[in-house]
Amino acid sequence: MFTNNSLSLHFYSKTGESTIKKFQSDNSGLLEFKEWLLKERCERVALESTGIYWYPLYSTLEDHIEVIVANPYLIKNIPGRKTDIIDAQWIAQLALNDLIKPSRIFPKKQRELRNLTRSREHLVNNRTMLKNRVHRILESASIKLSSVIADIFGKSGLHIVQGLLTGTDLDTIIASIPNEKVRLKEPELRNAIQHNLESSQILIID
């Protein structure tokens, strides 16, 4: 039974012998657990897929011992008997008798790829959310910059926004825009930027 702080183990042998042990769930505890399993010639480890707590244990053991990750809803114990030790004992008995249907765990390389693609997706979504928030703040300040520049997060757009955040006067901002085509839109830019940002808006955007 794996939790945030500890690992409760109920070890069953094919001859019917059983052992109860506890290990810490930090890195040194997991390595100690692995070494103990190898020393005892353990052939199979079963655990519940509770939250993300199972993942460090699985990654520690997967190249050394068969690991079965069980859906907790499919191996529910008898109601009213709920402790780590009893749960560990129940899971051990199920595993010993081949009564656990393993959850599908992708191979390590595929898990790494999934983690990377999901992380990138989260970053892109977060970036989009923050960009939309900046757009809303500028619009609420009656700064219609997006009506003149297609992408206010491009080089010229960021230059203008940064100038507004630092309180630079509009003449200086426009004169120093890096893109000449955008500089030629001076009348439109002046019409779009007729208001100043409030201090709170500057802080949020910054």
C-alpha atoms as a PDB file:
ATOM      1  CA  MET A   1       0.000   0.000   0.000  1.00  0.00           C
ATOM      2  CA  PHE A   2       1.688   3.213  -1.199  1.00  0.00           C
ATOM      3  CA  THR A   3       0.891   6.608   0.341  1.00  0.00           C
ATOM      4  CA  ASN A   4       2.461  10.046   0.347  1.00  0.00           C
ATOM      5  CA  ASN A   5       4.779   9.304   3.285  1.00  0.00           C
ATOM      6  CA  SER A   6       5.197   5.572   3.586  1.00  0.00           C
ATOM      7  CA  LEU A   7       5.013   2.236   1.835  1.00  0.00           C
ATOM      8  CA  SER A   8       3.192  -0.582   3.620  1.00  0.00           C
ATOM      9  CA  LEU A   9       4.186  -3.985   2.298  1.00  0.00           C
ATOM     10  CA  HIS A  10       2.563  -7.357   2.847  1.00  0.00           C
ATOM     11  CA  PHE A  11       4.864 -10.006   1.404  1.00  0.00           C
ATOM     12  CA  TYR A  12       3.433 -13.437   0.568  1.00  0.00           C
ATOM     13  CA  SER A  13       5.477 -16.436  -0.489  1.00  0.00           C
ATOM     14  CA  LYS A  14       4.123 -19.340  -2.528  1.00  0.00           C
ATOM     15  CA  THR A  15       4.567 -21.520   0.530  1.00  0.00           C
ATOM     16  CA  GLY A  16       2.098 -19.390   2.487  1.00  0.00           C
ATOM     17  CA  GLU A  17       4.603 -17.415   4.577  1.00  0.00           C
ATOM     18  CA  SER A  18       3.894 -13.717   5.012  1.00  0.00           C
ATOM     19  CA  THR A  19       5.870 -10.686   6.133  1.00  0.00           C
ATOM     20  CA  ILE A  20       4.760  -7.151   6.929  1.00  0.00           C
ATOM     21  CA  LYS A  21       7.240  -4.314   6.426  1.00  0.00           C
ATOM     22  CA  LYS A  22       7.158  -0.550   6.045  1.00  0.00           C
ATOM     23  CA  PHE A  23       9.470   1.694   4.035  1.00  0.00           C
ATOM     24  CA  GLN A  24       9.676   5.436   3.579  1.00  0.00           C
ATOM     25  CA  SER A  25       8.346   6.668   0.242  1.00  0.00           C
ATOM     26  CA  ASP A  26      11.308   8.974  -0.454  1.00  0.00           C
ATOM     27  CA  ASN A  27      14.035   8.028  -2.909  1.00  0.00           C
ATOM     28  CA  SER A  28      16.273   6.256  -0.377  1.00  0.00           C
ATOM     29  CA  GLY A  29      13.273   4.323   0.958  1.00  0.00           C
ATOM     30  CA  LEU A  30      12.272   3.195  -2.530  1.00  0.00           C
ATOM     31  CA  LEU A  31      15.806   2.039  -3.297  1.00  0.00           C
ATOM     32  CA  GLU A  32      15.930   0.189   0.020  1.00  0.00           C
ATOM     33  CA  PHE A  33      12.599  -1.414  -0.858  1.00  0.00           C
ATOM     34  CA  LYS A  34      13.873  -2.498  -4.280  1.00  0.00           C
ATOM     35  CA  GLU A  35      17.025  -4.030  -2.808  1.00  0.00           C
ATOM     36  CA  TRP A  36      14.975  -5.897  -0.224  1.00  0.00           C
ATOM     37  CA  LEU A  37      12.662  -7.291  -2.919  1.00  0.00           C
ATOM     38  CA  LEU A  38      15.605  -8.436  -5.028  1.00  0.00           C
ATOM     39  CA  LYS A  39      17.235 -10.033  -2.000  1.00  0.00           C
ATOM     40  CA  GLU A  40      14.000 -11.895  -1.217  1.00  0.00           C
ATOM     41  CA  ARG A  41      13.707 -12.905  -4.896  1.00  0.00           C
ATOM     42  CA  CYS A  42      10.269 -11.382  -5.182  1.00  0.00           C
ATOM     43  CA  GLU A  43       8.698 -12.137  -8.559  1.00  0.00           C
ATOM     44  CA  ARG A  44       5.728  -9.761  -8.536  1.00  0.00           C
ATOM     45  CA  VAL A  45       4.653  -6.498  -6.896  1.00  0.00           C
ATOM     46  CA  ALA A  46       1.064  -5.235  -6.962  1.00  0.00           C
ATOM     47  CA  LEU A  47      -0.127  -1.764  -5.992  1.00  0.00           C
ATOM     48  CA  GLU A  48      -3.100   0.557  -6.413  1.00  0.00           C
ATOM     49  CA  SER A  49      -2.994   3.364  -8.958  1.00  0.00           C
ATOM     50  CA  THR A  50      -3.814   5.985  -6.324  1.00  0.00           C
ATOM     51  CA  GLY A  51      -3.206   9.541  -7.524  1.00  0.00           C
ATOM     52  CA  ILE A  52       0.395   9.940  -8.675  1.00  0.00           C
ATOM     53  CA  TYR A  53       1.888   8.139  -5.672  1.00  0.00           C
ATOM     54  CA  TRP A  54       2.299   4.855  -7.526  1.00  0.00           C
ATOM     55  CA  TYR A  55       4.487   6.343 -10.259  1.00  0.00           C
ATOM     56  CA  PRO A  56       7.831   6.625  -8.355  1.00  0.00           C
ATOM     57  CA  LEU A  57       7.482   3.065  -7.114  1.00  0.00           C
ATOM     58  CA  TYR A  58       6.627   1.766 -10.577  1.00  0.00           C
ATOM     59  CA  SER A  59       9.550   3.561 -12.230  1.00  0.00           C
ATOM     60  CA  THR A  60      11.920   2.268  -9.526  1.00  0.00           C
ATOM     61  CA  LEU A  61      10.912  -1.363 -10.021  1.00  0.00           C
ATOM     62  CA  GLU A  62       9.795  -1.712 -13.642  1.00  0.00           C
ATOM     63  CA  ASP A  63      13.174  -2.834 -15.012  1.00  0.00           C
ATOM     64  CA  HIS A  64      13.737  -5.355 -12.223  1.00  0.00           C
ATOM     65  CA  ILE A  65      10.459  -6.942 -11.115  1.00  0.00           C
ATOM     66  CA  GLU A  66       7.022  -7.522 -12.607  1.00  0.00           C
ATOM     67  CA  VAL A  67       4.810  -4.681 -11.360  1.00  0.00           C
ATOM     68  CA  ILE A  68       1.006  -4.838 -11.487  1.00  0.00           C
ATOM     69  CA  VAL A  69      -0.821  -1.534 -11.186  1.00  0.00           C
ATOM     70  CA  ALA A  70      -4.421  -2.144 -10.173  1.00  0.00           C
ATOM     71  CA  ASN A  71      -7.444   0.083 -10.549  1.00  0.00           C
ATOM     72  CA  PRO A  72      -8.548   0.627  -6.909  1.00  0.00           C
ATOM     73  CA  TYR A  73     -12.216   0.403  -7.925  1.00  0.00           C
ATOM     74  CA  LEU A  74     -11.677  -3.116  -9.207  1.00  0.00           C
ATOM     75  CA  ILE A  75     -10.008  -4.486  -6.068  1.00  0.00           C
ATOM     76  CA  LYS A  76     -12.154  -2.962  -3.351  1.00  0.00           C
ATOM     77  CA  ASN A  77     -11.781  -4.680  -0.007  1.00  0.00           C
ATOM     78  CA  ILE A  78     -14.534  -5.675   2.436  1.00  0.00           C
ATOM     79  CA  PRO A  79     -16.261  -2.462   3.680  1.00  0.00           C
ATOM     80  CA  GLY A  80     -15.349  -1.359   7.196  1.00  0.00           C
ATOM     81  CA  ARG A  81     -11.859  -2.908   7.228  1.00  0.00           C
ATOM     82  CA  LYS A  82      -9.706  -0.059   6.020  1.00  0.00           C
ATOM     83  CA  THR A  83      -6.058   0.203   7.072  1.00  0.00           C
ATOM     84  CA  ASP A  84      -2.840   0.298   5.076  1.00  0.00           C
ATOM     85  CA  ILE A  85      -1.798  -3.101   6.397  1.00  0.00           C
ATOM     86  CA  ILE A  86      -5.137  -4.763   5.610  1.00  0.00           C
ATOM     87  CA  ASP A  87      -5.196  -3.182   2.150  1.00  0.00           C
ATOM     88  CA  ALA A  88      -1.657  -4.387   1.493  1.00  0.00           C
ATOM     89  CA  GLN A  89      -2.607  -7.882   2.642  1.00  0.00           C
ATOM     90  CA  TRP A  90      -5.670  -7.911   0.388  1.00  0.00           C
ATOM     91  CA  ILE A  91      -3.727  -6.741  -2.663  1.00  0.00           C
ATOM     92  CA  ALA A  92      -1.004  -9.314  -1.993  1.00  0.00           C
ATOM     93  CA  GLN A  93      -3.560 -12.120  -1.847  1.00  0.00           C
ATOM     94  CA  LEU A  94      -5.170 -10.997  -5.092  1.00  0.00           C
ATOM     95  CA  ALA A  95      -1.814 -10.772  -6.836  1.00  0.00           C
ATOM     96  CA  LEU A  96      -0.698 -14.176  -5.581  1.00  0.00           C
ATOM     97  CA  ASN A  97      -3.860 -15.737  -7.009  1.00  0.00           C
ATOM     98  CA  ASP A  98      -3.753 -13.853 -10.337  1.00  0.00           C
ATOM     99  CA  LEU A  99      -6.987 -12.002  -9.537  1.00  0.00           C
ATOM    100  CA  ILE A 100      -5.847  -8.514 -10.519  1.00  0.00           C
ATOM    101  CA  LYS A 101      -6.480  -7.157 -13.972  1.00  0.00           C
ATOM    102  CA  PRO A 102      -3.448  -4.912 -14.572  1.00  0.00           C
ATOM    103  CA  SER A 103      -4.004  -1.332 -15.655  1.00  0.00           C
ATOM    104  CA  ARG A 104      -2.398  -0.470 -18.953  1.00  0.00           C
ATOM    105  CA  ILE A 105       0.945   1.225 -18.345  1.00  0.00           C
ATOM    106  CA  PHE A 106       2.747   2.591 -21.385  1.00  0.00           C
ATOM    107  CA  PRO A 107       6.437   1.692 -21.842  1.00  0.00           C
ATOM    108  CA  LYS A 108       8.925   4.141 -20.376  1.00  0.00           C
ATOM    109  CA  LYS A 109       9.798   5.901 -23.647  1.00  0.00           C
ATOM    110  CA  GLN A 110       6.124   6.380 -24.486  1.00  0.00           C
ATOM    111  CA  ARG A 111       5.439   7.722 -20.975  1.00  0.00           C
ATOM    112  CA  GLU A 112       8.258  10.213 -21.378  1.00  0.00           C
ATOM    113  CA  LEU A 113       6.901  11.304 -24.763  1.00  0.00           C
ATOM    114  CA  ARG A 114       3.379  11.655 -23.322  1.00  0.00           C
ATOM    115  CA  ASN A 115       4.740  13.734 -20.443  1.00  0.00           C
ATOM    116  CA  LEU A 116       6.575  16.008 -22.858  1.00  0.00           C
ATOM    117  CA  THR A 117       3.620  16.459 -25.214  1.00  0.00           C
ATOM    118  CA  ARG A 118       1.208  17.047 -22.324  1.00  0.00           C
ATOM    119  CA  SER A 119       3.601  19.550 -20.754  1.00  0.00           C
ATOM    120  CA  ARG A 120       3.894  21.382 -24.044  1.00  0.00           C
ATOM    121  CA  GLU A 121       0.110  21.398 -24.418  1.00  0.00           C
ATOM    122  CA  HIS A 122      -0.272  22.872 -20.918  1.00  0.00           C
ATOM    123  CA  LEU A 123       2.357  25.520 -21.665  1.00  0.00           C
ATOM    124  CA  VAL A 124       0.654  26.491 -24.928  1.00  0.00           C
ATOM    125  CA  ASN A 125      -2.736  26.672 -23.196  1.00  0.00           C
ATOM    126  CA  ASN A 126      -1.294  28.755 -20.356  1.00  0.00           C
ATOM    127  CA  ARG A 127       0.421  31.067 -22.827  1.00  0.00           C
ATOM    128  CA  THR A 128      -2.833  31.533 -24.746  1.00  0.00           C
ATOM    129  CA  MET A 129      -4.708  32.229 -21.509  1.00  0.00           C
ATOM    130  CA  LEU A 130      -2.171  34.870 -20.462  1.00  0.00           C
ATOM    131  CA  LYS A 131      -2.199  36.498 -23.894  1.00  0.00           C
ATOM    132  CA  ASN A 132      -5.990  36.694 -23.819  1.00  0.00           C
ATOM    133  CA  ARG A 133      -5.799  38.293 -20.392  1.00  0.00           C
ATOM    134  CA  VAL A 134      -3.403  40.955 -21.653  1.00  0.00           C
ATOM    135  CA  HIS A 135      -5.749  41.634 -24.558  1.00  0.00           C
ATOM    136  CA  ARG A 136      -8.656  42.075 -22.138  1.00  0.00           C
ATOM    137  CA  ILE A 137      -6.702  44.426 -19.905  1.00  0.00           C
ATOM    138  CA  LEU A 138      -5.654  46.597 -22.835  1.00  0.00           C
ATOM    139  CA  GLU A 139      -9.227  46.660 -24.129  1.00  0.00           C
ATOM    140  CA  SER A 140     -10.536  47.594 -20.692  1.00  0.00           C
ATOM    141  CA  ALA A 141      -8.109  50.519 -20.712  1.00  0.00           C
ATOM    142  CA  SER A 142      -9.448  51.583 -24.161  1.00  0.00           C
ATOM    143  CA  ILE A 143      -6.108  50.788 -25.768  1.00  0.00           C
ATOM    144  CA  LYS A 144      -7.074  49.281 -29.125  1.00  0.00           C
ATOM    145  CA  LEU A 145      -3.621  48.126 -30.113  1.00  0.00           C
ATOM    146  CA  SER A 146      -4.827  44.850 -31.607  1.00  0.00           C
ATOM    147  CA  SER A 147      -6.901  46.786 -34.168  1.00  0.00           C
ATOM    148  CA  VAL A 148      -3.669  48.131 -35.660  1.00  0.00           C
ATOM    149  CA  ILE A 149      -1.188  45.303 -35.104  1.00  0.00           C
ATOM    150  CA  ALA A 150      -2.185  41.757 -35.980  1.00  0.00           C
ATOM    151  CA  ASP A 151      -0.021  40.241 -33.239  1.00  0.00           C
ATOM    152  CA  ILE A 152       0.701  42.430 -30.247  1.00  0.00           C
ATOM    153  CA  PHE A 153       3.059  39.719 -29.005  1.00  0.00           C
ATOM    154  CA  GLY A 154       5.291  40.072 -32.045  1.00  0.00           C
ATOM    155  CA  LYS A 155       8.497  42.099 -31.894  1.00  0.00           C
ATOM    156  CA  SER A 156       6.867  45.478 -32.579  1.00  0.00           C
ATOM    157  CA  GLY A 157       3.807  44.769 -30.463  1.00  0.00           C
ATOM    158  CA  LEU A 158       5.877  43.775 -27.452  1.00  0.00           C
ATOM    159  CA  HIS A 159       8.005  46.882 -27.948  1.00  0.00           C
ATOM    160  CA  ILE A 160       4.904  49.066 -27.738  1.00  0.00           C
ATOM    161  CA  VAL A 161       3.442  47.209 -24.768  1.00  0.00           C
ATOM    162  CA  GLN A 162       6.743  47.365 -22.897  1.00  0.00           C
ATOM    163  CA  GLY A 163       6.902  51.085 -23.561  1.00  0.00           C
ATOM    164  CA  LEU A 164       3.405  51.514 -22.130  1.00  0.00           C
ATOM    165  CA  LEU A 165       4.368  49.498 -19.058  1.00  0.00           C
ATOM    166  CA  THR A 166       7.445  51.630 -18.365  1.00  0.00           C
ATOM    167  CA  GLY A 167       5.617  54.920 -18.902  1.00  0.00           C
ATOM    168  CA  THR A 168       7.608  55.895 -22.014  1.00  0.00           C
ATOM    169  CA  ASP A 169       6.018  58.745 -23.946  1.00  0.00           C
ATOM    170  CA  LEU A 170       4.169  57.750 -27.099  1.00  0.00           C
ATOM    171  CA  ASP A 171       6.439  59.736 -29.468  1.00  0.00           C
ATOM    172  CA  THR A 172       9.482  57.817 -28.254  1.00  0.00           C
ATOM    173  CA  ILE A 173       7.668  54.492 -28.427  1.00  0.00           C
ATOM    174  CA  ILE A 174       6.527  54.998 -32.021  1.00  0.00           C
ATOM    175  CA  ALA A 175       9.858  56.431 -33.198  1.00  0.00           C
ATOM    176  CA  SER A 176      11.743  53.406 -31.868  1.00  0.00           C
ATOM    177  CA  ILE A 177       9.425  50.669 -33.206  1.00  0.00           C
ATOM    178  CA  PRO A 178      11.773  48.134 -34.880  1.00  0.00           C
ATOM    179  CA  ASN A 179       9.516  47.442 -37.884  1.00  0.00           C
ATOM    180  CA  GLU A 180       9.276  50.256 -40.423  1.00  0.00           C
ATOM    181  CA  LYS A 181       5.900  49.114 -41.746  1.00  0.00           C
ATOM    182  CA  VAL A 182       4.475  49.366 -38.226  1.00  0.00           C
ATOM    183  CA  ARG A 183       6.074  52.795 -37.735  1.00  0.00           C
ATOM    184  CA  LEU A 184       4.263  53.988 -40.849  1.00  0.00           C
ATOM    185  CA  LYS A 185       0.995  53.254 -39.037  1.00  0.00           C
ATOM    186  CA  GLU A 186       1.693  56.159 -36.677  1.00  0.00           C
ATOM    187  CA  PRO A 187      -1.730  57.834 -37.119  1.00  0.00           C
ATOM    188  CA  GLU A 188      -3.573  54.579 -36.404  1.00  0.00           C
ATOM    189  CA  LEU A 189      -1.329  53.851 -33.429  1.00  0.00           C
ATOM    190  CA  ARG A 190      -1.909  57.280 -31.925  1.00  0.00           C
ATOM    191  CA  ASN A 191      -5.642  56.844 -32.363  1.00  0.00           C
ATOM    192  CA  ALA A 192      -5.508  53.396 -30.742  1.00  0.00           C
ATOM    193  CA  ILE A 193      -3.366  54.514 -27.780  1.00  0.00           C
ATOM    194  CA  GLN A 194      -5.125  57.531 -26.339  1.00  0.00           C
ATOM    195  CA  HIS A 195      -5.271  56.285 -22.763  1.00  0.00           C
ATOM    196  CA  ASN A 196      -2.793  55.234 -20.115  1.00  0.00           C
ATOM    197  CA  LEU A 197      -2.706  52.038 -18.125  1.00  0.00           C
ATOM    198  CA  GLU A 198      -3.512  52.156 -14.440  1.00  0.00           C
ATOM    199  CA  SER A 199      -0.808  51.060 -11.999  1.00  0.00           C
ATOM    200  CA  SER A 200      -2.673  47.850 -11.179  1.00  0.00           C
ATOM    201  CA  GLN A 201      -3.037  47.015 -14.876  1.00  0.00           C
ATOM    202  CA  ILE A 202       0.664  47.609 -15.426  1.00  0.00           C
ATOM    203  CA  LEU A 203       1.503  45.286 -12.538  1.00  0.00           C
ATOM    204  CA  ILE A 204      -0.776  42.515 -13.826  1.00  0.00           C
ATOM    205  CA  ILE A 205       0.536  42.686 -17.410  1.00  0.00           C
ATOM    206  CA  ASP A 206       4.148  42.925 -16.282  1.00  0.00           C
END
